Amino acid sequence: MDKIKVAVAALLVAAGVSGFYYLQESATVIRLAAFLAGLVAGAAVLWTTAAGQGFFAFAQESAAETRKVVWPSRNETLQATAIVFVFVLIMALFMWVVDGILLWIVKKLIGGE
């Protein structure tokens, strides 16, 4: 029975997407409402399946774990971002130099300049 419900949920979502494109001449609000209606209806049907219940439990546990995470301070975030930017700049310069050297070698090998 769950497989049928999952198929119906997928069809409802597909109907919402189809409605979004079918109502191409309508206002964007109506198109968006059709899409969201299909999405909500599909989620509601999926909710009644064991897979849907398992996903909801997983989502709750994930949210609980997210609250347990020790997030970096603003200063730590800025420092890490600066380090990444400096590293990217250094790597870009390195790649530019290597590219120039390889270009020079290839030109010498094929008899250019």
C-alpha atoms as a PDB file:
ATOM      1  CA  MET A   1       0.000   0.000   0.000  1.00  0.00           C
ATOM      2  CA  ASP A   2       2.900   2.348   0.748  1.00  0.00           C
ATOM      3  CA  LYS A   3       4.238   1.989  -2.795  1.00  0.00           C
ATOM      4  CA  ILE A   4       0.891   3.120  -4.176  1.00  0.00           C
ATOM      5  CA  LYS A   5       0.851   6.115  -1.838  1.00  0.00           C
ATOM      6  CA  VAL A   6       4.380   7.066  -2.871  1.00  0.00           C
ATOM      7  CA  ALA A   7       3.360   6.809  -6.535  1.00  0.00           C
ATOM      8  CA  VAL A   8       0.275   8.959  -5.878  1.00  0.00           C
ATOM      9  CA  ALA A   9       2.450  11.511  -4.056  1.00  0.00           C
ATOM     10  CA  ALA A  10       4.835  11.625  -7.019  1.00  0.00           C
ATOM     11  CA  LEU A  11       1.904  12.054  -9.401  1.00  0.00           C
ATOM     12  CA  LEU A  12       0.525  14.912  -7.302  1.00  0.00           C
ATOM     13  CA  VAL A  13       3.877  16.689  -7.362  1.00  0.00           C
ATOM     14  CA  ALA A  14       4.120  16.079 -11.112  1.00  0.00           C
ATOM     15  CA  ALA A  15       0.593  17.473 -11.491  1.00  0.00           C
ATOM     16  CA  GLY A  16       1.655  20.594  -9.619  1.00  0.00           C
ATOM     17  CA  VAL A  17       4.658  21.059 -11.888  1.00  0.00           C
ATOM     18  CA  SER A  18       2.493  20.391 -14.944  1.00  0.00           C
ATOM     19  CA  GLY A  19      -0.070  22.896 -13.699  1.00  0.00           C
ATOM     20  CA  PHE A  20       2.667  25.484 -13.339  1.00  0.00           C
ATOM     21  CA  TYR A  21       3.565  25.104 -17.016  1.00  0.00           C
ATOM     22  CA  TYR A  22      -0.005  24.532 -18.245  1.00  0.00           C
ATOM     23  CA  LEU A  23      -1.135  27.820 -16.711  1.00  0.00           C
ATOM     24  CA  GLN A  24       1.554  29.676 -18.612  1.00  0.00           C
ATOM     25  CA  GLU A  25      -0.839  32.460 -19.631  1.00  0.00           C
ATOM     26  CA  SER A  26      -2.114  32.953 -16.066  1.00  0.00           C
ATOM     27  CA  ALA A  27      -0.720  35.236 -13.394  1.00  0.00           C
ATOM     28  CA  THR A  28       2.438  34.093 -11.693  1.00  0.00           C
ATOM     29  CA  VAL A  29       0.609  33.871  -8.372  1.00  0.00           C
ATOM     30  CA  ILE A  30      -1.851  31.344  -9.805  1.00  0.00           C
ATOM     31  CA  ARG A  31       0.956  29.326 -11.388  1.00  0.00           C
ATOM     32  CA  LEU A  32       2.869  29.302  -8.121  1.00  0.00           C
ATOM     33  CA  ALA A  33      -0.291  28.320  -6.223  1.00  0.00           C
ATOM     34  CA  ALA A  34      -0.803  25.359  -8.574  1.00  0.00           C
ATOM     35  CA  PHE A  35       2.779  24.222  -8.029  1.00  0.00           C
ATOM     36  CA  LEU A  36       2.586  24.618  -4.254  1.00  0.00           C
ATOM     37  CA  ALA A  37      -0.783  22.844  -4.133  1.00  0.00           C
ATOM     38  CA  GLY A  38       0.701  19.838  -5.911  1.00  0.00           C
ATOM     39  CA  LEU A  39       3.736  19.903  -3.651  1.00  0.00           C
ATOM     40  CA  VAL A  40       1.690  20.146  -0.460  1.00  0.00           C
ATOM     41  CA  ALA A  41      -0.754  17.469  -1.598  1.00  0.00           C
ATOM     42  CA  GLY A  42       2.129  15.147  -2.485  1.00  0.00           C
ATOM     43  CA  ALA A  43       3.791  15.802   0.882  1.00  0.00           C
ATOM     44  CA  ALA A  44       0.506  15.143   2.690  1.00  0.00           C
ATOM     45  CA  VAL A  45       0.080  11.776   0.959  1.00  0.00           C
ATOM     46  CA  LEU A  46       3.735  10.896   1.504  1.00  0.00           C
ATOM     47  CA  TRP A  47       3.320  11.779   5.191  1.00  0.00           C
ATOM     48  CA  THR A  48       0.972   8.794   5.630  1.00  0.00           C
ATOM     49  CA  THR A  49       3.607   6.279   4.492  1.00  0.00           C
ATOM     50  CA  ALA A  50       6.273   4.598   6.583  1.00  0.00           C
ATOM     51  CA  ALA A  51       8.952   6.272   4.451  1.00  0.00           C
ATOM     52  CA  GLY A  52       7.346   9.657   5.083  1.00  0.00           C
ATOM     53  CA  GLN A  53       7.227   9.065   8.820  1.00  0.00           C
ATOM     54  CA  GLY A  54      10.852   7.945   8.753  1.00  0.00           C
ATOM     55  CA  PHE A  55      11.833  11.089   6.858  1.00  0.00           C
ATOM     56  CA  PHE A  56       9.972  13.278   9.342  1.00  0.00           C
ATOM     57  CA  ALA A  57      11.743  11.569  12.253  1.00  0.00           C
ATOM     58  CA  PHE A  58      15.079  12.033  10.466  1.00  0.00           C
ATOM     59  CA  ALA A  59      14.320  15.727   9.907  1.00  0.00           C
ATOM     60  CA  GLN A  60      13.474  16.198  13.590  1.00  0.00           C
ATOM     61  CA  GLU A  61      16.677  14.460  14.677  1.00  0.00           C
ATOM     62  CA  SER A  62      18.689  16.547  12.215  1.00  0.00           C
ATOM     63  CA  ALA A  63      17.202  19.750  13.610  1.00  0.00           C
ATOM     64  CA  ALA A  64      18.043  18.601  17.144  1.00  0.00           C
ATOM     65  CA  GLU A  65      21.636  17.857  16.112  1.00  0.00           C
ATOM     66  CA  THR A  66      21.917  21.260  14.460  1.00  0.00           C
ATOM     67  CA  ARG A  67      21.046  22.919  17.745  1.00  0.00           C
ATOM     68  CA  LYS A  68      23.886  20.976  19.407  1.00  0.00           C
ATOM     69  CA  VAL A  69      26.525  22.259  16.989  1.00  0.00           C
ATOM     70  CA  VAL A  70      28.991  24.786  18.371  1.00  0.00           C
ATOM     71  CA  TRP A  71      29.039  27.404  15.643  1.00  0.00           C
ATOM     72  CA  PRO A  72      32.158  29.533  15.129  1.00  0.00           C
ATOM     73  CA  SER A  73      32.180  33.102  16.337  1.00  0.00           C
ATOM     74  CA  ARG A  74      32.086  36.035  13.928  1.00  0.00           C
ATOM     75  CA  ASN A  75      35.818  36.596  14.394  1.00  0.00           C
ATOM     76  CA  GLU A  76      36.639  32.936  13.672  1.00  0.00           C
ATOM     77  CA  THR A  77      34.452  33.024  10.576  1.00  0.00           C
ATOM     78  CA  LEU A  78      36.121  36.168   9.258  1.00  0.00           C
ATOM     79  CA  GLN A  79      39.582  34.729   9.892  1.00  0.00           C
ATOM     80  CA  ALA A  80      38.748  31.477   8.116  1.00  0.00           C
ATOM     81  CA  THR A  81      37.265  33.405   5.184  1.00  0.00           C
ATOM     82  CA  ALA A  82      40.385  35.566   4.927  1.00  0.00           C
ATOM     83  CA  ILE A  83      42.598  32.476   4.943  1.00  0.00           C
ATOM     84  CA  VAL A  84      40.543  30.934   2.138  1.00  0.00           C
ATOM     85  CA  PHE A  85      40.755  34.110   0.050  1.00  0.00           C
ATOM     86  CA  VAL A  86      44.525  34.358   0.530  1.00  0.00           C
ATOM     87  CA  PHE A  87      44.943  30.692  -0.399  1.00  0.00           C
ATOM     88  CA  VAL A  88      42.831  31.126  -3.519  1.00  0.00           C
ATOM     89  CA  LEU A  89      44.849  34.179  -4.527  1.00  0.00           C
ATOM     90  CA  ILE A  90      48.136  32.309  -4.023  1.00  0.00           C
ATOM     91  CA  MET A  91      46.877  29.318  -6.008  1.00  0.00           C
ATOM     92  CA  ALA A  92      45.627  31.582  -8.817  1.00  0.00           C
ATOM     93  CA  LEU A  93      49.047  33.236  -9.055  1.00  0.00           C
ATOM     94  CA  PHE A  94      50.770  29.855  -8.991  1.00  0.00           C
ATOM     95  CA  MET A  95      48.534  28.491 -11.744  1.00  0.00           C
ATOM     96  CA  TRP A  96      49.109  31.651 -13.809  1.00  0.00           C
ATOM     97  CA  VAL A  97      52.893  31.230 -13.521  1.00  0.00           C
ATOM     98  CA  VAL A  98      52.728  27.495 -14.347  1.00  0.00           C
ATOM     99  CA  ASP A  99      50.480  28.224 -17.333  1.00  0.00           C
ATOM    100  CA  GLY A 100      52.913  30.859 -18.575  1.00  0.00           C
ATOM    101  CA  ILE A 101      55.873  28.498 -18.231  1.00  0.00           C
ATOM    102  CA  LEU A 102      54.047  25.682 -20.023  1.00  0.00           C
ATOM    103  CA  LEU A 103      52.982  28.063 -22.778  1.00  0.00           C
ATOM    104  CA  TRP A 104      56.613  29.172 -23.224  1.00  0.00           C
ATOM    105  CA  ILE A 105      57.787  25.512 -23.337  1.00  0.00           C
ATOM    106  CA  VAL A 106      55.162  24.548 -25.925  1.00  0.00           C
ATOM    107  CA  LYS A 107      56.060  27.542 -28.095  1.00  0.00           C
ATOM    108  CA  LYS A 108      59.727  26.569 -27.979  1.00  0.00           C
ATOM    109  CA  LEU A 109      58.898  22.956 -28.861  1.00  0.00           C
ATOM    110  CA  ILE A 110      56.772  23.830 -31.887  1.00  0.00           C
ATOM    111  CA  GLY A 111      59.229  26.419 -33.131  1.00  0.00           C
ATOM    112  CA  GLY A 112      57.382  29.580 -32.312  1.00  0.00           C
ATOM    113  CA  GLU A 113      59.077  32.837 -31.279  1.00  0.00           C
END
